[in-house]
Each structure stands twice: as structure tokens, then as C-alpha cells.
Amino acid sequence: MDKPVLTVVDSPVYDLSKPETPSERIRRLQANAHALAHEQVLGLTTMMDQLAEMAGEIAGGGEAYPVGVREICERMAEEMGPRAATIRALADRD
């Protein structure tokens, strides 16, 4: 099983000695949510890359797989990698 990818979040350390204002708390929570969303999107693209690889193996698997399955997997293998790259690029723009 792959180890999880850790993401460095550039946020200040929360100081427990002084209370946060509501706007500070909102900004901190939004930054955390944004970092978590980015991490999830990267996880999705990793899975998409793995799916493309598996689909390519099935597409090239010959007579062991039904013709329709091979054809669908061939299309998936061709499309999944570029789609993952597009999603990654969109996520990295933010």
C-alpha cells in the first residue's frame, strides 16, 4: 500500500494564549479547508493514473478479456491520464 502524501501547509502556528477573532478563525479554517481539498484532488489524480495503468494492462491483455471490455479499457487508458493532468493543473492554479 502506498504511503500517504504529506502536504506542507503554510499557515501560522495557532497561539492558544490569545483568542482568535472571528475573522482570524474564518481565515484559518478556510486555509485548512483549501489545503484539504487540494490534497483530496491530488489523491483523485493519483487514483486516475493508477486506473489508466490498469485499464491499459486490460486493453493489452489479449483474448483473456472480452472484446468490449478491452475496447472500453483502451479508451479509458487513453483518456484518463490527460484528464488527471488537467485536473492537477487546475488544482495547482489556486
PDB file of N, CA and C in Angstrom:
ATOM      1  N   MET A   1       0.842  -1.182   0.000  1.00  0.00           N
ATOM      2  CA  MET A   1       0.000   0.000   0.000  1.00  0.00           C
ATOM      3  C   MET A   1       0.886   1.244   0.000  1.00  0.00           C
ATOM      4  N   ASP A   2       0.522   2.227  -0.810  1.00  0.00           N
ATOM      5  CA  ASP A   2       1.299   3.452  -0.905  1.00  0.00           C
ATOM      6  C   ASP A   2       1.177   4.266   0.376  1.00  0.00           C
ATOM      7  N   LYS A   3       2.273   4.937   0.720  1.00  0.00           N
ATOM      8  CA  LYS A   3       2.241   5.823   1.872  1.00  0.00           C
ATOM      9  C   LYS A   3       1.517   7.105   1.483  1.00  0.00           C
ATOM     10  N   PRO A   4       0.792   7.721   2.422  1.00  0.00           N
ATOM     11  CA  PRO A   4       0.095   8.959   2.088  1.00  0.00           C
ATOM     12  C   PRO A   4       1.081  10.078   1.789  1.00  0.00           C
ATOM     13  N   VAL A   5       0.674  10.943   0.901  1.00  0.00           N
ATOM     14  CA  VAL A   5       1.488  12.093   0.545  1.00  0.00           C
ATOM     15  C   VAL A   5       1.191  13.199   1.549  1.00  0.00           C
ATOM     16  N   LEU A   6       2.237  13.745   2.143  1.00  0.00           N
ATOM     17  CA  LEU A   6       2.058  14.823   3.105  1.00  0.00           C
ATOM     18  C   LEU A   6       2.220  16.156   2.402  1.00  0.00           C
ATOM     19  N   THR A   7       1.370  17.093   2.757  1.00  0.00           N
ATOM     20  CA  THR A   7       1.402  18.406   2.163  1.00  0.00           C
ATOM     21  C   THR A   7       1.785  19.421   3.233  1.00  0.00           C
ATOM     22  N   VAL A   8       2.734  20.278   2.911  1.00  0.00           N
ATOM     23  CA  VAL A   8       3.125  21.329   3.841  1.00  0.00           C
ATOM     24  C   VAL A   8       2.139  22.472   3.706  1.00  0.00           C
ATOM     25  N   VAL A   9       1.536  22.843   4.813  1.00  0.00           N
ATOM     26  CA  VAL A   9       0.569  23.932   4.823  1.00  0.00           C
ATOM     27  C   VAL A   9       1.263  25.161   5.392  1.00  0.00           C
ATOM     28  N   ASP A  10       1.269  26.210   4.608  1.00  0.00           N
ATOM     29  CA  ASP A  10       1.924  27.444   5.022  1.00  0.00           C
ATOM     30  C   ASP A  10       0.931  28.285   5.811  1.00  0.00           C
ATOM     31  N   SER A  11       0.841  28.026   7.108  1.00  0.00           N
ATOM     32  CA  SER A  11      -0.048  28.807   7.954  1.00  0.00           C
ATOM     33  C   SER A  11       0.642  29.041   9.292  1.00  0.00           C
ATOM     34  N   PRO A  12       0.321  30.150   9.906  1.00  0.00           N
ATOM     35  CA  PRO A  12       0.964  30.447  11.178  1.00  0.00           C
ATOM     36  C   PRO A  12       0.519  29.465  12.261  1.00  0.00           C
ATOM     37  N   VAL A  13       1.367  29.327  13.267  1.00  0.00           N
ATOM     38  CA  VAL A  13       1.043  28.465  14.393  1.00  0.00           C
ATOM     39  C   VAL A  13      -0.043  29.137  15.211  1.00  0.00           C
ATOM     40  N   TYR A  14      -1.042  28.369  15.606  1.00  0.00           N
ATOM     41  CA  TYR A  14      -2.152  28.906  16.375  1.00  0.00           C
ATOM     42  C   TYR A  14      -1.691  29.185  17.795  1.00  0.00           C
ATOM     43  N   ASP A  15      -1.813  30.416  18.232  1.00  0.00           N
ATOM     44  CA  ASP A  15      -1.387  30.838  19.560  1.00  0.00           C
ATOM     45  C   ASP A  15      -2.555  30.692  20.526  1.00  0.00           C
ATOM     46  N   LEU A  16      -2.446  29.753  21.458  1.00  0.00           N
ATOM     47  CA  LEU A  16      -3.520  29.489  22.417  1.00  0.00           C
ATOM     48  C   LEU A  16      -3.606  30.552  23.513  1.00  0.00           C
ATOM     49  N   SER A  17      -2.571  31.389  23.653  1.00  0.00           N
ATOM     50  CA  SER A  17      -2.570  32.369  24.737  1.00  0.00           C
ATOM     51  C   SER A  17      -3.501  33.549  24.467  1.00  0.00           C
ATOM     52  N   LYS A  18      -3.799  33.812  23.216  1.00  0.00           N
ATOM     53  CA  LYS A  18      -4.742  34.892  22.907  1.00  0.00           C
ATOM     54  C   LYS A  18      -5.843  34.359  22.005  1.00  0.00           C
ATOM     55  N   PRO A  19      -7.073  34.709  22.300  1.00  0.00           N
ATOM     56  CA  PRO A  19      -8.183  34.193  21.495  1.00  0.00           C
ATOM     57  C   PRO A  19      -8.179  34.786  20.087  1.00  0.00           C
ATOM     58  N   GLU A  20      -8.633  33.989  19.147  1.00  0.00           N
ATOM     59  CA  GLU A  20      -8.757  34.452  17.768  1.00  0.00           C
ATOM     60  C   GLU A  20     -10.004  35.301  17.626  1.00  0.00           C
ATOM     61  N   THR A  21      -9.910  36.252  16.743  1.00  0.00           N
ATOM     62  CA  THR A  21     -11.126  36.976  16.381  1.00  0.00           C
ATOM     63  C   THR A  21     -11.902  36.083  15.419  1.00  0.00           C
ATOM     64  N   PRO A  22     -13.185  36.321  15.270  1.00  0.00           N
ATOM     65  CA  PRO A  22     -13.948  35.503  14.312  1.00  0.00           C
ATOM     66  C   PRO A  22     -13.362  35.533  12.903  1.00  0.00           C
ATOM     67  N   SER A  23     -12.899  36.693  12.453  1.00  0.00           N
ATOM     68  CA  SER A  23     -12.353  36.760  11.089  1.00  0.00           C
ATOM     69  C   SER A  23     -11.044  35.983  10.981  1.00  0.00           C
ATOM     70  N   GLU A  24     -10.206  36.000  12.020  1.00  0.00           N
ATOM     71  CA  GLU A  24      -8.976  35.210  12.016  1.00  0.00           C
ATOM     72  C   GLU A  24      -9.302  33.722  11.965  1.00  0.00           C
ATOM     73  N   ARG A  25     -10.289  33.330  12.741  1.00  0.00           N
ATOM     74  CA  ARG A  25     -10.693  31.923  12.769  1.00  0.00           C
ATOM     75  C   ARG A  25     -11.230  31.489  11.407  1.00  0.00           C
ATOM     76  N   ILE A  26     -12.024  32.339  10.798  1.00  0.00           N
ATOM     77  CA  ILE A  26     -12.577  32.033   9.472  1.00  0.00           C
ATOM     78  C   ILE A  26     -11.447  31.856   8.463  1.00  0.00           C
ATOM     79  N   ARG A  27     -10.475  32.781   8.481  1.00  0.00           N
ATOM     80  CA  ARG A  27      -9.350  32.678   7.538  1.00  0.00           C
ATOM     81  C   ARG A  27      -8.560  31.392   7.760  1.00  0.00           C
ATOM     82  N   ARG A  28      -8.322  31.052   9.036  1.00  0.00           N
ATOM     83  CA  ARG A  28      -7.580  29.826   9.344  1.00  0.00           C
ATOM     84  C   ARG A  28      -8.346  28.590   8.885  1.00  0.00           C
ATOM     85  N   LEU A  29      -9.630  28.544   9.165  1.00  0.00           N
ATOM     86  CA  LEU A  29     -10.443  27.390   8.762  1.00  0.00           C
ATOM     87  C   LEU A  29     -10.543  27.286   7.247  1.00  0.00           C
ATOM     88  N   GLN A  30     -10.660  28.431   6.572  1.00  0.00           N
ATOM     89  CA  GLN A  30     -10.710  28.411   5.106  1.00  0.00           C
ATOM     90  C   GLN A  30      -9.396  27.917   4.521  1.00  0.00           C
ATOM     91  N   ALA A  31      -8.281  28.321   5.109  1.00  0.00           N
ATOM     92  CA  ALA A  31      -6.978  27.852   4.632  1.00  0.00           C
ATOM     93  C   ALA A  31      -6.842  26.351   4.835  1.00  0.00           C
ATOM     94  N   ASN A  32      -7.311  25.865   5.974  1.00  0.00           N
ATOM     95  CA  ASN A  32      -7.276  24.421   6.233  1.00  0.00           C
ATOM     96  C   ASN A  32      -8.164  23.667   5.250  1.00  0.00           C
ATOM     97  N   ALA A  33      -9.359  24.187   4.990  1.00  0.00           N
ATOM     98  CA  ALA A  33     -10.279  23.538   4.052  1.00  0.00           C
ATOM     99  C   ALA A  33      -9.685  23.525   2.649  1.00  0.00           C
ATOM    100  N   HIS A  34      -9.058  24.627   2.262  1.00  0.00           N
ATOM    101  CA  HIS A  34      -8.442  24.712   0.935  1.00  0.00           C
ATOM    102  C   HIS A  34      -7.317  23.685   0.804  1.00  0.00           C
ATOM    103  N   ALA A  35      -6.480  23.573   1.835  1.00  0.00           N
ATOM    104  CA  ALA A  35      -5.374  22.607   1.800  1.00  0.00           C
ATOM    105  C   ALA A  35      -5.900  21.178   1.744  1.00  0.00           C
ATOM    106  N   LEU A  36      -6.948  20.899   2.501  1.00  0.00           N
ATOM    107  CA  LEU A  36      -7.542  19.558   2.485  1.00  0.00           C
ATOM    108  C   LEU A  36      -8.149  19.239   1.121  1.00  0.00           C
ATOM    109  N   ALA A  37      -8.840  20.204   0.536  1.00  0.00           N
ATOM    110  CA  ALA A  37      -9.438  19.997  -0.788  1.00  0.00           C
ATOM    111  C   ALA A  37      -8.363  19.721  -1.825  1.00  0.00           C
ATOM    112  N   HIS A  38      -7.270  20.480  -1.760  1.00  0.00           N
ATOM    113  CA  HIS A  38      -6.164  20.282  -2.704  1.00  0.00           C
ATOM    114  C   HIS A  38      -5.576  18.880  -2.541  1.00  0.00           C
ATOM    115  N   GLU A  39      -5.407  18.464  -1.316  1.00  0.00           N
ATOM    116  CA  GLU A  39      -4.880  17.124  -1.035  1.00  0.00           C
ATOM    117  C   GLU A  39      -5.802  16.038  -1.592  1.00  0.00           C
ATOM    118  N   GLN A  40      -7.105  16.231  -1.453  1.00  0.00           N
ATOM    119  CA  GLN A  40      -8.053  15.243  -1.971  1.00  0.00           C
ATOM    120  C   GLN A  40      -8.027  15.188  -3.496  1.00  0.00           C
ATOM    121  N   VAL A  41      -7.915  16.343  -4.134  1.00  0.00           N
ATOM    122  CA  VAL A  41      -7.844  16.380  -5.599  1.00  0.00           C
ATOM    123  C   VAL A  41      -6.593  15.656  -6.085  1.00  0.00           C
ATOM    124  N   LEU A  42      -5.467  15.871  -5.409  1.00  0.00           N
ATOM    125  CA  LEU A  42      -4.240  15.175  -5.793  1.00  0.00           C
ATOM    126  C   LEU A  42      -4.383  13.669  -5.584  1.00  0.00           C
ATOM    127  N   GLY A  43      -5.088  13.269  -4.537  1.00  0.00           N
ATOM    128  CA  GLY A  43      -5.360  11.847  -4.323  1.00  0.00           C
ATOM    129  C   GLY A  43      -6.201  11.270  -5.461  1.00  0.00           C
ATOM    130  N   LEU A  44      -7.183  12.036  -5.907  1.00  0.00           N
ATOM    131  CA  LEU A  44      -8.021  11.596  -7.026  1.00  0.00           C
ATOM    132  C   LEU A  44      -7.180  11.405  -8.282  1.00  0.00           C
ATOM    133  N   THR A  45      -6.291  12.355  -8.573  1.00  0.00           N
ATOM    134  CA  THR A  45      -5.494  12.242  -9.791  1.00  0.00           C
ATOM    135  C   THR A  45      -4.511  11.071  -9.712  1.00  0.00           C
ATOM    136  N   THR A  46      -4.029  10.777  -8.529  1.00  0.00           N
ATOM    137  CA  THR A  46      -3.166   9.599  -8.350  1.00  0.00           C
ATOM    138  C   THR A  46      -3.949   8.333  -8.662  1.00  0.00           C
ATOM    139  N   MET A  47      -5.185   8.267  -8.170  1.00  0.00           N
ATOM    140  CA  MET A  47      -6.034   7.099  -8.455  1.00  0.00           C
ATOM    141  C   MET A  47      -6.357   7.009  -9.945  1.00  0.00           C
ATOM    142  N   MET A  48      -6.574   8.155 -10.571  1.00  0.00           N
ATOM    143  CA  MET A  48      -6.857   8.158 -12.003  1.00  0.00           C
ATOM    144  C   MET A  48      -5.666   7.622 -12.794  1.00  0.00           C
ATOM    145  N   ASP A  49      -4.452   8.002 -12.392  1.00  0.00           N
ATOM    146  CA  ASP A  49      -3.248   7.480 -13.053  1.00  0.00           C
ATOM    147  C   ASP A  49      -3.156   5.965 -12.884  1.00  0.00           C
ATOM    148  N   GLN A  50      -3.467   5.478 -11.685  1.00  0.00           N
ATOM    149  CA  GLN A  50      -3.439   4.036 -11.440  1.00  0.00           C
ATOM    150  C   GLN A  50      -4.507   3.326 -12.267  1.00  0.00           C
ATOM    151  N   LEU A  51      -5.687   3.945 -12.362  1.00  0.00           N
ATOM    152  CA  LEU A  51      -6.765   3.379 -13.163  1.00  0.00           C
ATOM    153  C   LEU A  51      -6.367   3.313 -14.637  1.00  0.00           C
ATOM    154  N   ALA A  52      -5.733   4.360 -15.136  1.00  0.00           N
ATOM    155  CA  ALA A  52      -5.285   4.370 -16.535  1.00  0.00           C
ATOM    156  C   ALA A  52      -4.286   3.256 -16.781  1.00  0.00           C
ATOM    157  N   GLU A  53      -3.387   3.034 -15.835  1.00  0.00           N
ATOM    158  CA  GLU A  53      -2.397   1.969 -15.979  1.00  0.00           C
ATOM    159  C   GLU A  53      -3.075   0.595 -15.998  1.00  0.00           C
ATOM    160  N   MET A  54      -4.011   0.376 -15.087  1.00  0.00           N
ATOM    161  CA  MET A  54      -4.709  -0.914 -15.044  1.00  0.00           C
ATOM    162  C   MET A  54      -5.551  -1.124 -16.305  1.00  0.00           C
ATOM    163  N   ALA A  55      -6.211  -0.067 -16.761  1.00  0.00           N
ATOM    164  CA  ALA A  55      -7.017  -0.176 -17.975  1.00  0.00           C
ATOM    165  C   ALA A  55      -6.133  -0.509 -19.173  1.00  0.00           C
ATOM    166  N   GLY A  56      -4.946   0.082 -19.222  1.00  0.00           N
ATOM    167  CA  GLY A  56      -4.004  -0.229 -20.299  1.00  0.00           C
ATOM    168  C   GLY A  56      -3.563  -1.679 -20.271  1.00  0.00           C
ATOM    169  N   GLU A  57      -3.368  -2.220 -19.078  1.00  0.00           N
ATOM    170  CA  GLU A  57      -2.999  -3.634 -18.955  1.00  0.00           C
ATOM    171  C   GLU A  57      -4.119  -4.534 -19.461  1.00  0.00           C
ATOM    172  N   ILE A  58      -5.354  -4.188 -19.116  1.00  0.00           N
ATOM    173  CA  ILE A  58      -6.500  -4.984 -19.586  1.00  0.00           C
ATOM    174  C   ILE A  58      -6.654  -4.847 -21.089  1.00  0.00           C
ATOM    175  N   ALA A  59      -6.495  -3.621 -21.606  1.00  0.00           N
ATOM    176  CA  ALA A  59      -6.629  -3.395 -23.055  1.00  0.00           C
ATOM    177  C   ALA A  59      -5.610  -4.220 -23.828  1.00  0.00           C
ATOM    178  N   GLY A  60      -4.422  -4.397 -23.276  1.00  0.00           N
ATOM    179  CA  GLY A  60      -3.388  -5.169 -23.955  1.00  0.00           C
ATOM    180  C   GLY A  60      -3.357  -6.624 -23.542  1.00  0.00           C
ATOM    181  N   GLY A  61      -4.378  -7.049 -22.811  1.00  0.00           N
ATOM    182  CA  GLY A  61      -4.392  -8.405 -22.269  1.00  0.00           C
ATOM    183  C   GLY A  61      -4.790  -9.493 -23.232  1.00  0.00           C
ATOM    184  N   GLY A  62      -5.126  -9.129 -24.433  1.00  0.00           N
ATOM    185  CA  GLY A  62      -5.443 -10.138 -25.442  1.00  0.00           C
ATOM    186  C   GLY A  62      -6.754 -10.862 -25.197  1.00  0.00           C
ATOM    187  N   GLU A  63      -6.809 -12.071 -25.686  1.00  0.00           N
ATOM    188  CA  GLU A  63      -8.035 -12.868 -25.694  1.00  0.00           C
ATOM    189  C   GLU A  63      -8.539 -13.257 -24.303  1.00  0.00           C
ATOM    190  N   ALA A  64      -7.753 -13.004 -23.268  1.00  0.00           N
ATOM    191  CA  ALA A  64      -8.204 -13.332 -21.910  1.00  0.00           C
ATOM    192  C   ALA A  64      -9.384 -12.458 -21.504  1.00  0.00           C
ATOM    193  N   TYR A  65      -9.505 -11.292 -22.131  1.00  0.00           N
ATOM    194  CA  TYR A  65     -10.587 -10.365 -21.800  1.00  0.00           C
ATOM    195  C   TYR A  65     -11.554 -10.268 -22.980  1.00  0.00           C
ATOM    196  N   PRO A  66     -12.835 -10.077 -22.690  1.00  0.00           N
ATOM    197  CA  PRO A  66     -13.812  -9.912 -23.782  1.00  0.00           C
ATOM    198  C   PRO A  66     -13.484  -8.666 -24.619  1.00  0.00           C
ATOM    199  N   VAL A  67     -13.844  -8.738 -25.896  1.00  0.00           N
ATOM    200  CA  VAL A  67     -13.530  -7.654 -26.837  1.00  0.00           C
ATOM    201  C   VAL A  67     -14.071  -6.316 -26.354  1.00  0.00           C
ATOM    202  N   GLY A  68     -15.312  -6.245 -25.931  1.00  0.00           N
ATOM    203  CA  GLY A  68     -15.907  -4.984 -25.478  1.00  0.00           C
ATOM    204  C   GLY A  68     -15.174  -4.400 -24.277  1.00  0.00           C
ATOM    205  N   VAL A  69     -14.755  -5.261 -23.368  1.00  0.00           N
ATOM    206  CA  VAL A  69     -14.014  -4.805 -22.188  1.00  0.00           C
ATOM    207  C   VAL A  69     -12.675  -4.221 -22.611  1.00  0.00           C
ATOM    208  N   ARG A  70     -11.993  -4.893 -23.513  1.00  0.00           N
ATOM    209  CA  ARG A  70     -10.695  -4.395 -23.989  1.00  0.00           C
ATOM    210  C   ARG A  70     -10.838  -3.033 -24.663  1.00  0.00           C
ATOM    211  N   GLU A  71     -11.889  -2.872 -25.471  1.00  0.00           N
ATOM    212  CA  GLU A  71     -12.092  -1.610 -26.183  1.00  0.00           C
ATOM    213  C   GLU A  71     -12.372  -0.460 -25.218  1.00  0.00           C
ATOM    214  N   ILE A  72     -13.237  -0.708 -24.243  1.00  0.00           N
ATOM    215  CA  ILE A  72     -13.539   0.329 -23.256  1.00  0.00           C
ATOM    216  C   ILE A  72     -12.292   0.677 -22.452  1.00  0.00           C
ATOM    217  N   CYS A  73     -11.538  -0.327 -22.060  1.00  0.00           N
ATOM    218  CA  CYS A  73     -10.318  -0.091 -21.286  1.00  0.00           C
ATOM    219  C   CYS A  73      -9.273   0.654 -22.103  1.00  0.00           C
ATOM    220  N   GLU A  74      -9.223   0.386 -23.391  1.00  0.00           N
ATOM    221  CA  GLU A  74      -8.288   1.112 -24.250  1.00  0.00           C
ATOM    222  C   GLU A  74      -8.626   2.602 -24.267  1.00  0.00           C
ATOM    223  N   ARG A  75      -9.917   2.911 -24.412  1.00  0.00           N
ATOM    224  CA  ARG A  75     -10.346   4.319 -24.386  1.00  0.00           C
ATOM    225  C   ARG A  75     -10.066   4.955 -23.029  1.00  0.00           C
ATOM    226  N   MET A  76     -10.341   4.207 -21.957  1.00  0.00           N
ATOM    227  CA  MET A  76     -10.078   4.731 -20.613  1.00  0.00           C
ATOM    228  C   MET A  76      -8.592   5.023 -20.420  1.00  0.00           C
ATOM    229  N   ALA A  77      -7.746   4.113 -20.865  1.00  0.00           N
ATOM    230  CA  ALA A  77      -6.306   4.295 -20.706  1.00  0.00           C
ATOM    231  C   ALA A  77      -5.829   5.532 -21.465  1.00  0.00           C
ATOM    232  N   GLU A  78      -6.415   5.787 -22.642  1.00  0.00           N
ATOM    233  CA  GLU A  78      -6.027   6.943 -23.444  1.00  0.00           C
ATOM    234  C   GLU A  78      -6.510   8.260 -22.837  1.00  0.00           C
ATOM    235  N   GLU A  79      -7.693   8.232 -22.230  1.00  0.00           N
ATOM    236  CA  GLU A  79      -8.316   9.463 -21.742  1.00  0.00           C
ATOM    237  C   GLU A  79      -7.970   9.804 -20.297  1.00  0.00           C
ATOM    238  N   MET A  80      -7.779   8.806 -19.458  1.00  0.00           N
ATOM    239  CA  MET A  80      -7.655   9.034 -18.024  1.00  0.00           C
ATOM    240  C   MET A  80      -6.400   9.830 -17.664  1.00  0.00           C
ATOM    241  N   GLY A  81      -5.262   9.525 -18.268  1.00  0.00           N
ATOM    242  CA  GLY A  81      -4.023  10.241 -17.960  1.00  0.00           C
ATOM    243  C   GLY A  81      -4.117  11.735 -18.244  1.00  0.00           C
ATOM    244  N   PRO A  82      -4.534  12.113 -19.459  1.00  0.00           N
ATOM    245  CA  PRO A  82      -4.672  13.540 -19.758  1.00  0.00           C
ATOM    246  C   PRO A  82      -5.705  14.251 -18.877  1.00  0.00           C
ATOM    247  N   ARG A  83      -6.787  13.556 -18.543  1.00  0.00           N
ATOM    248  CA  ARG A  83      -7.793  14.170 -17.666  1.00  0.00           C
ATOM    249  C   ARG A  83      -7.217  14.410 -16.271  1.00  0.00           C
ATOM    250  N   ALA A  84      -6.451  13.449 -15.784  1.00  0.00           N
ATOM    251  CA  ALA A  84      -5.807  13.612 -14.477  1.00  0.00           C
ATOM    252  C   ALA A  84      -4.848  14.799 -14.510  1.00  0.00           C
ATOM    253  N   ALA A  85      -4.107  14.923 -15.596  1.00  0.00           N
ATOM    254  CA  ALA A  85      -3.161  16.037 -15.730  1.00  0.00           C
ATOM    255  C   ALA A  85      -3.899  17.381 -15.768  1.00  0.00           C
ATOM    256  N   THR A  86      -5.037  17.423 -16.436  1.00  0.00           N
ATOM    257  CA  THR A  86      -5.841  18.649 -16.495  1.00  0.00           C
ATOM    258  C   THR A  86      -6.356  19.025 -15.114  1.00  0.00           C
ATOM    259  N   ILE A  87      -6.860  18.036 -14.392  1.00  0.00           N
ATOM    260  CA  ILE A  87      -7.360  18.290 -13.043  1.00  0.00           C
ATOM    261  C   ILE A  87      -6.232  18.790 -12.152  1.00  0.00           C
ATOM    262  N   ARG A  88      -5.059  18.151 -12.248  1.00  0.00           N
ATOM    263  CA  ARG A  88      -3.896  18.557 -11.458  1.00  0.00           C
ATOM    264  C   ARG A  88      -3.530  20.024 -11.759  1.00  0.00           C
ATOM    265  N   ALA A  89      -3.515  20.374 -13.039  1.00  0.00           N
ATOM    266  CA  ALA A  89      -3.159  21.733 -13.447  1.00  0.00           C
ATOM    267  C   ALA A  89      -4.168  22.746 -12.911  1.00  0.00           C
ATOM    268  N   LEU A  90      -5.444  22.409 -12.976  1.00  0.00           N
ATOM    269  CA  LEU A  90      -6.485  23.313 -12.452  1.00  0.00           C
ATOM    270  C   LEU A  90      -6.341  23.476 -10.937  1.00  0.00           C
ATOM    271  N   ALA A  91      -6.049  22.398 -10.247  1.00  0.00           N
ATOM    272  CA  ALA A  91      -5.906  22.462  -8.792  1.00  0.00           C
ATOM    273  C   ALA A  91      -4.669  23.260  -8.398  1.00  0.00           C
ATOM    274  N   ASP A  92      -3.616  23.180  -9.198  1.00  0.00           N
ATOM    275  CA  ASP A  92      -2.377  23.891  -8.869  1.00  0.00           C
ATOM    276  C   ASP A  92      -2.445  25.374  -9.187  1.00  0.00           C
ATOM    277  N   ARG A  93      -3.452  25.793  -9.964  1.00  0.00           N
ATOM    278  CA  ARG A  93      -3.607  27.210 -10.299  1.00  0.00           C
ATOM    279  C   ARG A  93      -3.985  28.049  -9.098  1.00  0.00           C
ATOM    280  N   ASP A  94      -4.679  27.454  -8.175  1.00  0.00           N
ATOM    281  CA  ASP A  94      -5.156  28.225  -6.998  1.00  0.00           C
ATOM    282  C   ASP A  94      -4.045  28.530  -6.043  1.00  0.00           C
TER     283      ASP A  94
END
